[in-house]
Amino acid sequence: MGDEEKRGIFGSLKDKFKDYIYGMAAHEMTRQALKTRGSMEHLFILITMGDLLGVPILPPYYSLRLLPYVVPQISTWKRRMLREKDLTDALA
């Protein structure tokens, strides 16, 4: 075995060990952070574009100023807001 092969094996083991530690220590926190971020984005869209669903919260002027930033997310946001919810959704 040459030096490059040894480094390759040890590098591979090091990467696997890093992934293992990440999975044990930080994976759940990362998933929770992404879930929280998604919820905050949907709440932001609800506050700014709520009049699309009939919830007038902000005056339309400010909603129109923010419209270019929100347009890519409107369709998924509408689907999520208008989806029927039940008890099992709260458990996930």
PDB file of N, CA and C in Angstrom:
ATOM      1  N   MET A   1       0.841  -1.191   0.000  1.00  0.00           N
ATOM      2  CA  MET A   1       0.000   0.000   0.000  1.00  0.00           C
ATOM      3  C   MET A   1       0.879   1.245   0.000  1.00  0.00           C
ATOM      4  N   GLY A   2       0.552   2.158  -0.858  1.00  0.00           N
ATOM      5  CA  GLY A   2       1.296   3.400  -0.926  1.00  0.00           C
ATOM      6  C   GLY A   2       0.712   4.431   0.027  1.00  0.00           C
ATOM      7  N   ASP A   3       1.407   5.547   0.125  1.00  0.00           N
ATOM      8  CA  ASP A   3       0.941   6.621   1.005  1.00  0.00           C
ATOM      9  C   ASP A   3      -0.409   7.173   0.570  1.00  0.00           C
ATOM     10  N   GLU A   4      -0.622   7.274  -0.742  1.00  0.00           N
ATOM     11  CA  GLU A   4      -1.890   7.802  -1.251  1.00  0.00           C
ATOM     12  C   GLU A   4      -3.051   6.882  -0.918  1.00  0.00           C
ATOM     13  N   GLU A   5      -2.817   5.569  -0.999  1.00  0.00           N
ATOM     14  CA  GLU A   5      -3.877   4.617  -0.666  1.00  0.00           C
ATOM     15  C   GLU A   5      -4.215   4.679   0.822  1.00  0.00           C
ATOM     16  N   LYS A   6      -3.181   4.795   1.668  1.00  0.00           N
ATOM     17  CA  LYS A   6      -3.414   4.891   3.110  1.00  0.00           C
ATOM     18  C   LYS A   6      -4.204   6.154   3.437  1.00  0.00           C
ATOM     19  N   ARG A   7      -3.834   7.263   2.820  1.00  0.00           N
ATOM     20  CA  ARG A   7      -4.559   8.514   3.048  1.00  0.00           C
ATOM     21  C   ARG A   7      -5.999   8.384   2.566  1.00  0.00           C
ATOM     22  N   GLY A   8      -6.183   7.694   1.436  1.00  0.00           N
ATOM     23  CA  GLY A   8      -7.532   7.489   0.912  1.00  0.00           C
ATOM     24  C   GLY A   8      -8.381   6.677   1.872  1.00  0.00           C
ATOM     25  N   ILE A   9      -7.810   5.629   2.439  1.00  0.00           N
ATOM     26  CA  ILE A   9      -8.551   4.792   3.393  1.00  0.00           C
ATOM     27  C   ILE A   9      -8.831   5.581   4.663  1.00  0.00           C
ATOM     28  N   PHE A  10      -7.812   6.242   5.200  1.00  0.00           N
ATOM     29  CA  PHE A  10      -8.013   7.016   6.424  1.00  0.00           C
ATOM     30  C   PHE A  10      -8.926   8.209   6.193  1.00  0.00           C
ATOM     31  N   GLY A  11      -8.827   8.805   5.025  1.00  0.00           N
ATOM     32  CA  GLY A  11      -9.725   9.914   4.692  1.00  0.00           C
ATOM     33  C   GLY A  11     -11.160   9.443   4.608  1.00  0.00           C
ATOM     34  N   SER A  12     -11.343   8.269   4.028  1.00  0.00           N
ATOM     35  CA  SER A  12     -12.690   7.699   3.926  1.00  0.00           C
ATOM     36  C   SER A  12     -13.241   7.376   5.316  1.00  0.00           C
ATOM     37  N   LEU A  13     -12.410   6.771   6.150  1.00  0.00           N
ATOM     38  CA  LEU A  13     -12.842   6.468   7.523  1.00  0.00           C
ATOM     39  C   LEU A  13     -13.133   7.748   8.301  1.00  0.00           C
ATOM     40  N   LYS A  14     -12.317   8.761   8.084  1.00  0.00           N
ATOM     41  CA  LYS A  14     -12.531  10.044   8.755  1.00  0.00           C
ATOM     42  C   LYS A  14     -13.862  10.660   8.325  1.00  0.00           C
ATOM     43  N   ASP A  15     -14.163  10.610   7.026  1.00  0.00           N
ATOM     44  CA  ASP A  15     -15.435  11.144   6.528  1.00  0.00           C
ATOM     45  C   ASP A  15     -16.615  10.368   7.093  1.00  0.00           C
ATOM     46  N   LYS A  16     -16.494   9.047   7.142  1.00  0.00           N
ATOM     47  CA  LYS A  16     -17.573   8.232   7.710  1.00  0.00           C
ATOM     48  C   LYS A  16     -17.772   8.531   9.186  1.00  0.00           C
ATOM     49  N   PHE A  17     -16.671   8.710   9.911  1.00  0.00           N
ATOM     50  CA  PHE A  17     -16.771   9.045  11.335  1.00  0.00           C
ATOM     51  C   PHE A  17     -17.430  10.404  11.529  1.00  0.00           C
ATOM     52  N   LYS A  18     -17.085  11.380  10.674  1.00  0.00           N
ATOM     53  CA  LYS A  18     -17.708  12.706  10.736  1.00  0.00           C
ATOM     54  C   LYS A  18     -19.215  12.611  10.490  1.00  0.00           C
ATOM     55  N   ASP A  19     -19.598  11.833   9.479  1.00  0.00           N
ATOM     56  CA  ASP A  19     -21.022  11.648   9.189  1.00  0.00           C
ATOM     57  C   ASP A  19     -21.746  10.984  10.349  1.00  0.00           C
ATOM     58  N   TYR A  20     -21.106  10.020  10.974  1.00  0.00           N
ATOM     59  CA  TYR A  20     -21.699   9.321  12.116  1.00  0.00           C
ATOM     60  C   TYR A  20     -21.925  10.286  13.279  1.00  0.00           C
ATOM     61  N   ILE A  21     -20.929  11.077  13.597  1.00  0.00           N
ATOM     62  CA  ILE A  21     -21.043  12.051  14.695  1.00  0.00           C
ATOM     63  C   ILE A  21     -22.101  13.097  14.364  1.00  0.00           C
ATOM     64  N   TYR A  22     -22.127  13.555  13.115  1.00  0.00           N
ATOM     65  CA  TYR A  22     -23.159  14.514  12.699  1.00  0.00           C
ATOM     66  C   TYR A  22     -24.545  13.914  12.886  1.00  0.00           C
ATOM     67  N   GLY A  23     -24.718  12.665  12.478  1.00  0.00           N
ATOM     68  CA  GLY A  23     -26.010  12.004  12.624  1.00  0.00           C
ATOM     69  C   GLY A  23     -26.434  11.877  14.073  1.00  0.00           C
ATOM     70  N   MET A  24     -25.489  11.608  14.943  1.00  0.00           N
ATOM     71  CA  MET A  24     -25.810  11.472  16.364  1.00  0.00           C
ATOM     72  C   MET A  24     -26.091  12.820  17.019  1.00  0.00           C
ATOM     73  N   ALA A  25     -25.338  13.831  16.642  1.00  0.00           N
ATOM     74  CA  ALA A  25     -25.377  15.091  17.374  1.00  0.00           C
ATOM     75  C   ALA A  25     -26.246  16.170  16.743  1.00  0.00           C
ATOM     76  N   ALA A  26     -26.248  16.280  15.438  1.00  0.00           N
ATOM     77  CA  ALA A  26     -26.828  17.481  14.843  1.00  0.00           C
ATOM     78  C   ALA A  26     -27.941  17.246  13.835  1.00  0.00           C
ATOM     79  N   HIS A  27     -28.179  16.027  13.427  1.00  0.00           N
ATOM     80  CA  HIS A  27     -29.164  15.803  12.368  1.00  0.00           C
ATOM     81  C   HIS A  27     -30.562  16.233  12.792  1.00  0.00           C
ATOM     82  N   GLU A  28     -30.973  15.869  13.985  1.00  0.00           N
ATOM     83  CA  GLU A  28     -32.321  16.230  14.451  1.00  0.00           C
ATOM     84  C   GLU A  28     -32.463  17.740  14.608  1.00  0.00           C
ATOM     85  N   MET A  29     -31.417  18.395  15.095  1.00  0.00           N
ATOM     86  CA  MET A  29     -31.461  19.858  15.221  1.00  0.00           C
ATOM     87  C   MET A  29     -31.570  20.517  13.849  1.00  0.00           C
ATOM     88  N   THR A  30     -30.872  19.972  12.864  1.00  0.00           N
ATOM     89  CA  THR A  30     -30.930  20.514  11.514  1.00  0.00           C
ATOM     90  C   THR A  30     -32.325  20.360  10.930  1.00  0.00           C
ATOM     91  N   ARG A  31     -32.925  19.188  11.114  1.00  0.00           N
ATOM     92  CA  ARG A  31     -34.285  18.965  10.616  1.00  0.00           C
ATOM     93  C   ARG A  31     -35.273  19.913  11.278  1.00  0.00           C
ATOM     94  N   GLN A  32     -35.137  20.106  12.594  1.00  0.00           N
ATOM     95  CA  GLN A  32     -36.036  21.008  13.315  1.00  0.00           C
ATOM     96  C   GLN A  32     -35.853  22.446  12.846  1.00  0.00           C
ATOM     97  N   ALA A  33     -34.606  22.845  12.597  1.00  0.00           N
ATOM     98  CA  ALA A  33     -34.347  24.204  12.118  1.00  0.00           C
ATOM     99  C   ALA A  33     -34.976  24.418  10.743  1.00  0.00           C
ATOM    100  N   LEU A  34     -34.884  23.435   9.859  1.00  0.00           N
ATOM    101  CA  LEU A  34     -35.492  23.554   8.533  1.00  0.00           C
ATOM    102  C   LEU A  34     -37.014  23.601   8.626  1.00  0.00           C
ATOM    103  N   LYS A  35     -37.589  22.820   9.544  1.00  0.00           N
ATOM    104  CA  LYS A  35     -39.036  22.855   9.747  1.00  0.00           C
ATOM    105  C   LYS A  35     -39.481  24.225  10.256  1.00  0.00           C
ATOM    106  N   THR A  36     -38.742  24.762  11.212  1.00  0.00           N
ATOM    107  CA  THR A  36     -39.051  26.078  11.758  1.00  0.00           C
ATOM    108  C   THR A  36     -38.927  27.149  10.688  1.00  0.00           C
ATOM    109  N   ARG A  37     -37.883  27.049   9.865  1.00  0.00           N
ATOM    110  CA  ARG A  37     -37.697  28.020   8.783  1.00  0.00           C
ATOM    111  C   ARG A  37     -38.877  27.984   7.818  1.00  0.00           C
ATOM    112  N   GLY A  38     -39.329  26.790   7.459  1.00  0.00           N
ATOM    113  CA  GLY A  38     -40.471  26.665   6.562  1.00  0.00           C
ATOM    114  C   GLY A  38     -41.729  27.263   7.164  1.00  0.00           C
ATOM    115  N   SER A  39     -41.943  27.006   8.446  1.00  0.00           N
ATOM    116  CA  SER A  39     -43.116  27.571   9.109  1.00  0.00           C
ATOM    117  C   SER A  39     -43.053  29.095   9.146  1.00  0.00           C
ATOM    118  N   MET A  40     -41.881  29.636   9.413  1.00  0.00           N
ATOM    119  CA  MET A  40     -41.724  31.092   9.457  1.00  0.00           C
ATOM    120  C   MET A  40     -41.930  31.707   8.072  1.00  0.00           C
ATOM    121  N   GLU A  41     -41.449  31.035   7.026  1.00  0.00           N
ATOM    122  CA  GLU A  41     -41.670  31.544   5.674  1.00  0.00           C
ATOM    123  C   GLU A  41     -43.160  31.561   5.341  1.00  0.00           C
ATOM    124  N   HIS A  42     -43.867  30.492   5.708  1.00  0.00           N
ATOM    125  CA  HIS A  42     -45.299  30.450   5.423  1.00  0.00           C
ATOM    126  C   HIS A  42     -46.059  31.491   6.238  1.00  0.00           C
ATOM    127  N   LEU A  43     -45.623  31.727   7.466  1.00  0.00           N
ATOM    128  CA  LEU A  43     -46.250  32.763   8.272  1.00  0.00           C
ATOM    129  C   LEU A  43     -46.004  34.144   7.671  1.00  0.00           C
ATOM    130  N   PHE A  44     -44.790  34.382   7.188  1.00  0.00           N
ATOM    131  CA  PHE A  44     -44.470  35.655   6.544  1.00  0.00           C
ATOM    132  C   PHE A  44     -45.348  35.883   5.316  1.00  0.00           C
ATOM    133  N   ILE A  45     -45.509  34.837   4.509  1.00  0.00           N
ATOM    134  CA  ILE A  45     -46.347  34.969   3.318  1.00  0.00           C
ATOM    135  C   ILE A  45     -47.795  35.203   3.717  1.00  0.00           C
ATOM    136  N   LEU A  46     -48.260  34.538   4.777  1.00  0.00           N
ATOM    137  CA  LEU A  46     -49.629  34.763   5.246  1.00  0.00           C
ATOM    138  C   LEU A  46     -49.832  36.213   5.665  1.00  0.00           C
ATOM    139  N   ILE A  47     -48.852  36.765   6.361  1.00  0.00           N
ATOM    140  CA  ILE A  47     -48.979  38.153   6.812  1.00  0.00           C
ATOM    141  C   ILE A  47     -48.965  39.110   5.631  1.00  0.00           C
ATOM    142  N   THR A  48     -48.093  38.854   4.659  1.00  0.00           N
ATOM    143  CA  THR A  48     -47.981  39.798   3.547  1.00  0.00           C
ATOM    144  C   THR A  48     -49.016  39.570   2.454  1.00  0.00           C
ATOM    145  N   MET A  49     -49.349  38.332   2.166  1.00  0.00           N
ATOM    146  CA  MET A  49     -50.256  38.028   1.059  1.00  0.00           C
ATOM    147  C   MET A  49     -51.557  37.379   1.545  1.00  0.00           C
ATOM    148  N   GLY A  50     -51.937  37.639   2.765  1.00  0.00           N
ATOM    149  CA  GLY A  50     -53.137  37.026   3.325  1.00  0.00           C
ATOM    150  C   GLY A  50     -54.410  37.409   2.603  1.00  0.00           C
ATOM    151  N   ASP A  51     -54.403  38.544   1.920  1.00  0.00           N
ATOM    152  CA  ASP A  51     -55.610  38.961   1.196  1.00  0.00           C
ATOM    153  C   ASP A  51     -55.928  38.021   0.035  1.00  0.00           C
ATOM    154  N   LEU A  52     -54.969  37.207  -0.411  1.00  0.00           N
ATOM    155  CA  LEU A  52     -55.255  36.197  -1.434  1.00  0.00           C
ATOM    156  C   LEU A  52     -56.204  35.130  -0.897  1.00  0.00           C
ATOM    157  N   LEU A  53     -56.178  34.925   0.417  1.00  0.00           N
ATOM    158  CA  LEU A  53     -57.064  33.953   1.059  1.00  0.00           C
ATOM    159  C   LEU A  53     -58.227  34.627   1.767  1.00  0.00           C
ATOM    160  N   GLY A  54     -58.260  35.942   1.736  1.00  0.00           N
ATOM    161  CA  GLY A  54     -59.338  36.665   2.393  1.00  0.00           C
ATOM    162  C   GLY A  54     -59.003  37.076   3.811  1.00  0.00           C
ATOM    163  N   VAL A  55     -57.726  37.152   4.149  1.00  0.00           N
ATOM    164  CA  VAL A  55     -57.286  37.566   5.481  1.00  0.00           C
ATOM    165  C   VAL A  55     -56.535  38.885   5.331  1.00  0.00           C
ATOM    166  N   PRO A  56     -57.226  40.012   5.396  1.00  0.00           N
ATOM    167  CA  PRO A  56     -56.537  41.298   5.202  1.00  0.00           C
ATOM    168  C   PRO A  56     -55.775  41.702   6.466  1.00  0.00           C
ATOM    169  N   ILE A  57     -54.478  41.592   6.434  1.00  0.00           N
ATOM    170  CA  ILE A  57     -53.665  41.939   7.603  1.00  0.00           C
ATOM    171  C   ILE A  57     -52.868  43.213   7.333  1.00  0.00           C
ATOM    172  N   LEU A  58     -52.103  43.234   6.251  1.00  0.00           N
ATOM    173  CA  LEU A  58     -51.325  44.420   5.887  1.00  0.00           C
ATOM    174  C   LEU A  58     -52.045  45.193   4.795  1.00  0.00           C
ATOM    175  N   PRO A  59     -51.857  46.489   4.743  1.00  0.00           N
ATOM    176  CA  PRO A  59     -52.414  47.253   3.622  1.00  0.00           C
ATOM    177  C   PRO A  59     -51.816  46.749   2.306  1.00  0.00           C
ATOM    178  N   PRO A  60     -52.591  46.762   1.237  1.00  0.00           N
ATOM    179  CA  PRO A  60     -52.124  46.211  -0.040  1.00  0.00           C
ATOM    180  C   PRO A  60     -50.849  46.863  -0.580  1.00  0.00           C
ATOM    181  N   TYR A  61     -50.589  48.118  -0.222  1.00  0.00           N
ATOM    182  CA  TYR A  61     -49.393  48.784  -0.737  1.00  0.00           C
ATOM    183  C   TYR A  61     -48.139  48.015  -0.345  1.00  0.00           C
ATOM    184  N   TYR A  62     -48.034  47.636   0.925  1.00  0.00           N
ATOM    185  CA  TYR A  62     -46.851  46.915   1.392  1.00  0.00           C
ATOM    186  C   TYR A  62     -46.803  45.508   0.816  1.00  0.00           C
ATOM    187  N   SER A  63     -47.950  44.906   0.637  1.00  0.00           N
ATOM    188  CA  SER A  63     -47.993  43.578   0.019  1.00  0.00           C
ATOM    189  C   SER A  63     -47.486  43.646  -1.414  1.00  0.00           C
ATOM    190  N   LEU A  64     -47.855  44.675  -2.134  1.00  0.00           N
ATOM    191  CA  LEU A  64     -47.398  44.809  -3.513  1.00  0.00           C
ATOM    192  C   LEU A  64     -45.900  45.090  -3.585  1.00  0.00           C
ATOM    193  N   ARG A  65     -45.371  45.775  -2.597  1.00  0.00           N
ATOM    194  CA  ARG A  65     -43.920  46.027  -2.576  1.00  0.00           C
ATOM    195  C   ARG A  65     -43.150  44.729  -2.373  1.00  0.00           C
ATOM    196  N   LEU A  66     -43.728  43.805  -1.614  1.00  0.00           N
ATOM    197  CA  LEU A  66     -43.062  42.541  -1.332  1.00  0.00           C
ATOM    198  C   LEU A  66     -43.388  41.444  -2.344  1.00  0.00           C
ATOM    199  N   LEU A  67     -44.318  41.693  -3.222  1.00  0.00           N
ATOM    200  CA  LEU A  67     -44.786  40.681  -4.168  1.00  0.00           C
ATOM    201  C   LEU A  67     -43.671  40.035  -4.999  1.00  0.00           C
ATOM    202  N   PRO A  68     -42.714  40.764  -5.556  1.00  0.00           N
ATOM    203  CA  PRO A  68     -41.678  40.093  -6.366  1.00  0.00           C
ATOM    204  C   PRO A  68     -40.866  39.060  -5.594  1.00  0.00           C
ATOM    205  N   TYR A  69     -40.733  39.229  -4.285  1.00  0.00           N
ATOM    206  CA  TYR A  69     -39.957  38.281  -3.485  1.00  0.00           C
ATOM    207  C   TYR A  69     -40.760  37.042  -3.116  1.00  0.00           C
ATOM    208  N   VAL A  70     -42.079  37.142  -3.175  1.00  0.00           N
ATOM    209  CA  VAL A  70     -42.950  36.075  -2.701  1.00  0.00           C
ATOM    210  C   VAL A  70     -43.520  35.233  -3.841  1.00  0.00           C
ATOM    211  N   VAL A  71     -43.514  35.741  -5.044  1.00  0.00           N
ATOM    212  CA  VAL A  71     -44.176  35.068  -6.175  1.00  0.00           C
ATOM    213  C   VAL A  71     -43.751  33.608  -6.342  1.00  0.00           C
ATOM    214  N   PRO A  72     -42.473  33.252  -6.233  1.00  0.00           N
ATOM    215  CA  PRO A  72     -42.115  31.840  -6.446  1.00  0.00           C
ATOM    216  C   PRO A  72     -42.737  30.885  -5.426  1.00  0.00           C
ATOM    217  N   GLN A  73     -43.119  31.365  -4.261  1.00  0.00           N
ATOM    218  CA  GLN A  73     -43.605  30.492  -3.198  1.00  0.00           C
ATOM    219  C   GLN A  73     -45.117  30.500  -3.042  1.00  0.00           C
ATOM    220  N   ILE A  74     -45.818  31.309  -3.800  1.00  0.00           N
ATOM    221  CA  ILE A  74     -47.260  31.472  -3.569  1.00  0.00           C
ATOM    222  C   ILE A  74     -48.040  30.188  -3.814  1.00  0.00           C
ATOM    223  N   SER A  75     -47.746  29.452  -4.867  1.00  0.00           N
ATOM    224  CA  SER A  75     -48.547  28.259  -5.170  1.00  0.00           C
ATOM    225  C   SER A  75     -48.408  27.195  -4.087  1.00  0.00           C
ATOM    226  N   THR A  76     -47.182  26.939  -3.624  1.00  0.00           N
ATOM    227  CA  THR A  76     -47.014  25.940  -2.563  1.00  0.00           C
ATOM    228  C   THR A  76     -47.604  26.428  -1.254  1.00  0.00           C
ATOM    229  N   TRP A  77     -47.519  27.735  -1.012  1.00  0.00           N
ATOM    230  CA  TRP A  77     -48.088  28.298   0.211  1.00  0.00           C
ATOM    231  C   TRP A  77     -49.612  28.151   0.218  1.00  0.00           C
ATOM    232  N   LYS A  78     -50.258  28.440  -0.906  1.00  0.00           N
ATOM    233  CA  LYS A  78     -51.718  28.294  -0.987  1.00  0.00           C
ATOM    234  C   LYS A  78     -52.125  26.849  -0.726  1.00  0.00           C
ATOM    235  N   ARG A  79     -51.403  25.920  -1.344  1.00  0.00           N
ATOM    236  CA  ARG A  79     -51.705  24.504  -1.143  1.00  0.00           C
ATOM    237  C   ARG A  79     -51.573  24.113   0.325  1.00  0.00           C
ATOM    238  N   ARG A  80     -50.523  24.596   0.971  1.00  0.00           N
ATOM    239  CA  ARG A  80     -50.314  24.238   2.375  1.00  0.00           C
ATOM    240  C   ARG A  80     -51.368  24.869   3.273  1.00  0.00           C
ATOM    241  N   MET A  81     -51.738  26.109   3.007  1.00  0.00           N
ATOM    242  CA  MET A  81     -52.703  26.803   3.866  1.00  0.00           C
ATOM    243  C   MET A  81     -54.120  26.262   3.693  1.00  0.00           C
ATOM    244  N   LEU A  82     -54.472  25.836   2.498  1.00  0.00           N
ATOM    245  CA  LEU A  82     -55.827  25.388   2.228  1.00  0.00           C
ATOM    246  C   LEU A  82     -55.998  23.876   2.379  1.00  0.00           C
ATOM    247  N   ARG A  83     -54.935  23.178   2.745  1.00  0.00           N
ATOM    248  CA  ARG A  83     -54.998  21.730   2.922  1.00  0.00           C
ATOM    249  C   ARG A  83     -55.771  21.412   4.198  1.00  0.00           C
ATOM    250  N   GLU A  84     -56.560  20.368   4.153  1.00  0.00           N
ATOM    251  CA  GLU A  84     -57.281  19.952   5.353  1.00  0.00           C
ATOM    252  C   GLU A  84     -56.286  19.417   6.358  1.00  0.00           C
ATOM    253  N   LYS A  85     -56.509  19.756   7.596  1.00  0.00           N
ATOM    254  CA  LYS A  85     -55.585  19.326   8.649  1.00  0.00           C
ATOM    255  C   LYS A  85     -56.343  18.436   9.629  1.00  0.00           C
ATOM    256  N   ASP A  86     -55.635  17.464  10.184  1.00  0.00           N
ATOM    257  CA  ASP A  86     -56.225  16.625  11.209  1.00  0.00           C
ATOM    258  C   ASP A  86     -55.204  16.393  12.314  1.00  0.00           C
ATOM    259  N   LEU A  87     -55.547  15.572  13.259  1.00  0.00           N
ATOM    260  CA  LEU A  87     -54.711  15.342  14.436  1.00  0.00           C
ATOM    261  C   LEU A  87     -53.348  14.767  14.071  1.00  0.00           C
ATOM    262  N   THR A  88     -53.288  13.928  13.062  1.00  0.00           N
ATOM    263  CA  THR A  88     -52.014  13.293  12.715  1.00  0.00           C
ATOM    264  C   THR A  88     -50.998  14.291  12.143  1.00  0.00           C
ATOM    265  N   ASP A  89     -51.447  15.413  11.596  1.00  0.00           N
ATOM    266  CA  ASP A  89     -50.515  16.425  11.096  1.00  0.00           C
ATOM    267  C   ASP A  89     -49.732  17.065  12.237  1.00  0.00           C
ATOM    268  N   ALA A  90     -50.351  17.185  13.376  1.00  0.00           N
ATOM    269  CA  ALA A  90     -49.671  17.798  14.529  1.00  0.00           C
ATOM    270  C   ALA A  90     -48.598  16.891  15.099  1.00  0.00           C
ATOM    271  N   LEU A  91     -48.723  15.592  14.887  1.00  0.00           N
ATOM    272  CA  LEU A  91     -47.770  14.639  15.434  1.00  0.00           C
ATOM    273  C   LEU A  91     -46.485  14.554  14.612  1.00  0.00           C
ATOM    274  N   ALA A  92     -46.546  14.914  13.366  1.00  0.00           N
ATOM    275  CA  ALA A  92     -45.362  14.766  12.495  1.00  0.00           C
ATOM    276  C   ALA A  92     -44.380  15.876  12.661  1.00  0.00           C
TER     277      ALA A  92
END
